[in-house]
Every structure is written in C-alpha cells, then in structure tokens.
Amino acid sequence: MEISNDYKKEEDFALWELHIIRHKMAEQKIDLKTMRKSTQEIIAKYKLKNLRFVNNQNQGK
C-alpha cells in the first residue's frame, strides 16, 4: 500500500521518514501513552543523555 506523503524523500529525508513512521503507528493504533513509555525505555537503555523527554499537556488531545 502506498502512503500519501507531503514530503519528498529527496527534499527532506527526515520529515519523509517521520511521516512514514507516524502512519505505521496510526495503523497499529499505538497510543501516546504507549509511545512515551517506549521512548523513555529506549532513551534509558541506550543511555542517550543528549536526549530529553518533554511533556506537553496538549499532545494527544
């Protein structure tokens, strides 16, 4: 199945890839709470000290 994407891979690979990932997450019905937990686990597992998790009360609403 082809995914409609506003971004061209050649113009901005990161935004293009992010759009694909978000689409796949929506198909799998991954909710914000699950995504946050997974993200925090990955940051801790790989000791990514240069990343931080920002909470925004408006996300997911």
N, C-alpha and C. Protein backbone atom coordinates (compact mmCIF):
# COMPACT_ATOMS: atom_id res chain seq x y z
N MET A 1 0.84 -1.18 0.00
CA MET A 1 0.00 0.00 0.00
C MET A 1 0.88 1.25 0.00
N GLU A 2 0.59 2.14 -0.87
CA GLU A 2 1.35 3.39 -0.96
C GLU A 2 0.79 4.41 0.05
N ILE A 3 1.68 5.07 0.74
CA ILE A 3 1.30 6.08 1.73
C ILE A 3 1.44 7.45 1.10
N SER A 4 0.37 8.25 1.22
CA SER A 4 0.44 9.63 0.74
C SER A 4 1.38 10.41 1.66
N ASN A 5 2.31 11.14 1.07
CA ASN A 5 3.30 11.85 1.87
C ASN A 5 3.52 13.22 1.27
N ASP A 6 3.36 14.26 2.08
CA ASP A 6 3.56 15.64 1.62
C ASP A 6 5.03 15.96 1.38
N TYR A 7 5.90 15.15 1.96
CA TYR A 7 7.34 15.40 1.85
C TYR A 7 7.95 14.50 0.80
N LYS A 8 8.90 15.02 0.07
CA LYS A 8 9.63 14.23 -0.90
C LYS A 8 10.90 13.70 -0.24
N LYS A 9 11.18 12.43 -0.44
CA LYS A 9 12.34 11.78 0.17
C LYS A 9 13.63 12.53 -0.17
N GLU A 10 13.72 13.02 -1.39
CA GLU A 10 14.93 13.71 -1.83
C GLU A 10 15.06 15.11 -1.20
N GLU A 11 13.95 15.72 -0.87
CA GLU A 11 13.99 17.08 -0.32
C GLU A 11 14.29 17.10 1.18
N ASP A 12 13.63 16.22 1.93
CA ASP A 12 13.84 16.19 3.38
C ASP A 12 13.60 14.77 3.87
N PHE A 13 14.67 13.99 3.90
CA PHE A 13 14.56 12.59 4.24
C PHE A 13 14.00 12.39 5.65
N ALA A 14 14.42 13.20 6.61
CA ALA A 14 13.98 13.03 8.00
C ALA A 14 12.46 13.22 8.12
N LEU A 15 11.93 14.28 7.53
CA LEU A 15 10.48 14.51 7.60
C LEU A 15 9.72 13.45 6.83
N TRP A 16 10.26 13.02 5.71
CA TRP A 16 9.64 11.96 4.93
C TRP A 16 9.54 10.67 5.77
N GLU A 17 10.65 10.31 6.40
CA GLU A 17 10.70 9.10 7.23
C GLU A 17 9.77 9.22 8.44
N LEU A 18 9.75 10.39 9.08
CA LEU A 18 8.87 10.61 10.23
C LEU A 18 7.41 10.42 9.84
N HIS A 19 7.03 10.91 8.68
CA HIS A 19 5.65 10.76 8.21
C HIS A 19 5.31 9.27 8.04
N ILE A 20 6.23 8.50 7.49
CA ILE A 20 6.02 7.06 7.30
C ILE A 20 5.85 6.37 8.66
N ILE A 21 6.71 6.71 9.61
CA ILE A 21 6.64 6.11 10.95
C ILE A 21 5.32 6.44 11.62
N ARG A 22 4.92 7.71 11.56
CA ARG A 22 3.65 8.11 12.19
C ARG A 22 2.47 7.38 11.56
N HIS A 23 2.51 7.19 10.26
CA HIS A 23 1.43 6.48 9.57
C HIS A 23 1.35 5.03 10.06
N LYS A 24 2.51 4.37 10.16
CA LYS A 24 2.54 2.99 10.61
C LYS A 24 2.05 2.87 12.06
N MET A 25 2.40 3.85 12.89
CA MET A 25 1.94 3.85 14.28
C MET A 25 0.42 3.99 14.33
N ALA A 26 -0.13 4.83 13.48
CA ALA A 26 -1.58 5.01 13.44
C ALA A 26 -2.27 3.72 12.99
N GLU A 27 -1.69 3.04 12.02
CA GLU A 27 -2.26 1.77 11.56
C GLU A 27 -2.26 0.73 12.68
N GLN A 28 -1.23 0.74 13.51
CA GLN A 28 -1.12 -0.22 14.60
C GLN A 28 -1.85 0.27 15.86
N LYS A 29 -2.46 1.44 15.76
CA LYS A 29 -3.21 2.04 16.87
C LYS A 29 -2.35 2.19 18.14
N ILE A 30 -1.12 2.64 17.94
CA ILE A 30 -0.22 2.89 19.07
C ILE A 30 -0.60 4.24 19.67
N ASP A 31 -1.01 4.21 20.93
CA ASP A 31 -1.44 5.45 21.58
C ASP A 31 -0.25 6.22 22.16
N LEU A 32 -0.51 7.46 22.53
CA LEU A 32 0.53 8.35 23.02
C LEU A 32 1.19 7.81 24.29
N LYS A 33 0.41 7.24 25.19
CA LYS A 33 0.96 6.71 26.44
C LYS A 33 1.97 5.58 26.15
N THR A 34 1.61 4.69 25.25
CA THR A 34 2.50 3.59 24.88
C THR A 34 3.76 4.10 24.20
N MET A 35 3.58 5.08 23.33
CA MET A 35 4.73 5.66 22.63
C MET A 35 5.69 6.33 23.61
N ARG A 36 5.16 7.06 24.57
CA ARG A 36 6.01 7.72 25.57
C ARG A 36 6.79 6.70 26.38
N LYS A 37 6.12 5.64 26.81
CA LYS A 37 6.79 4.61 27.60
C LYS A 37 7.92 3.97 26.81
N SER A 38 7.64 3.62 25.56
CA SER A 38 8.67 3.01 24.70
C SER A 38 9.85 3.96 24.51
N THR A 39 9.55 5.22 24.29
CA THR A 39 10.59 6.22 24.07
C THR A 39 11.48 6.34 25.31
N GLN A 40 10.87 6.41 26.47
CA GLN A 40 11.64 6.53 27.71
C GLN A 40 12.51 5.30 27.93
N GLU A 41 11.99 4.13 27.60
CA GLU A 41 12.77 2.89 27.75
C GLU A 41 13.98 2.88 26.80
N ILE A 42 13.79 3.33 25.59
CA ILE A 42 14.90 3.37 24.62
C ILE A 42 15.96 4.37 25.06
N ILE A 43 15.54 5.54 25.52
CA ILE A 43 16.48 6.56 25.99
C ILE A 43 17.30 6.00 27.16
N ALA A 44 16.64 5.32 28.09
CA ALA A 44 17.35 4.74 29.24
C ALA A 44 18.27 3.59 28.81
N LYS A 45 17.78 2.71 27.95
CA LYS A 45 18.55 1.54 27.53
C LYS A 45 19.86 1.93 26.86
N TYR A 46 19.79 2.92 25.99
CA TYR A 46 20.98 3.31 25.23
C TYR A 46 21.71 4.50 25.86
N LYS A 47 21.27 4.91 27.05
CA LYS A 47 21.90 6.00 27.80
C LYS A 47 22.10 7.23 26.92
N LEU A 48 21.03 7.63 26.27
CA LEU A 48 21.06 8.78 25.37
C LEU A 48 20.89 10.07 26.19
N LYS A 49 21.95 10.45 26.84
CA LYS A 49 21.90 11.59 27.75
C LYS A 49 21.69 12.92 27.04
N ASN A 50 21.95 12.96 25.73
CA ASN A 50 21.75 14.20 25.00
C ASN A 50 20.28 14.38 24.58
N LEU A 51 19.44 13.38 24.85
CA LEU A 51 18.01 13.50 24.57
C LEU A 51 17.26 13.71 25.86
N ARG A 52 16.19 14.43 25.77
CA ARG A 52 15.35 14.60 26.94
C ARG A 52 13.91 14.47 26.53
N PHE A 53 13.10 14.05 27.44
CA PHE A 53 11.69 13.83 27.19
C PHE A 53 10.92 15.05 27.67
N VAL A 54 10.19 15.66 26.78
CA VAL A 54 9.43 16.88 27.11
C VAL A 54 7.96 16.52 27.18
N ASN A 55 7.34 16.86 28.28
CA ASN A 55 5.91 16.67 28.42
C ASN A 55 5.19 17.92 27.97
N ASN A 56 4.16 17.70 27.18
CA ASN A 56 3.34 18.81 26.71
C ASN A 56 1.89 18.40 26.94
N GLN A 57 1.18 19.13 27.74
CA GLN A 57 -0.19 18.75 28.11
C GLN A 57 -1.13 18.73 26.91
N ASN A 58 -0.79 19.41 25.83
CA ASN A 58 -1.67 19.46 24.68
C ASN A 58 -1.46 18.31 23.71
N GLN A 59 -0.42 17.52 23.91
CA GLN A 59 -0.14 16.42 22.98
C GLN A 59 -1.21 15.34 23.14
N GLY A 60 -1.59 14.80 22.03
CA GLY A 60 -2.53 13.68 22.04
C GLY A 60 -3.97 14.07 22.32
N LYS A 61 -4.28 15.33 22.31
CA LYS A 61 -5.66 15.76 22.59
C LYS A 61 -6.29 16.31 21.35
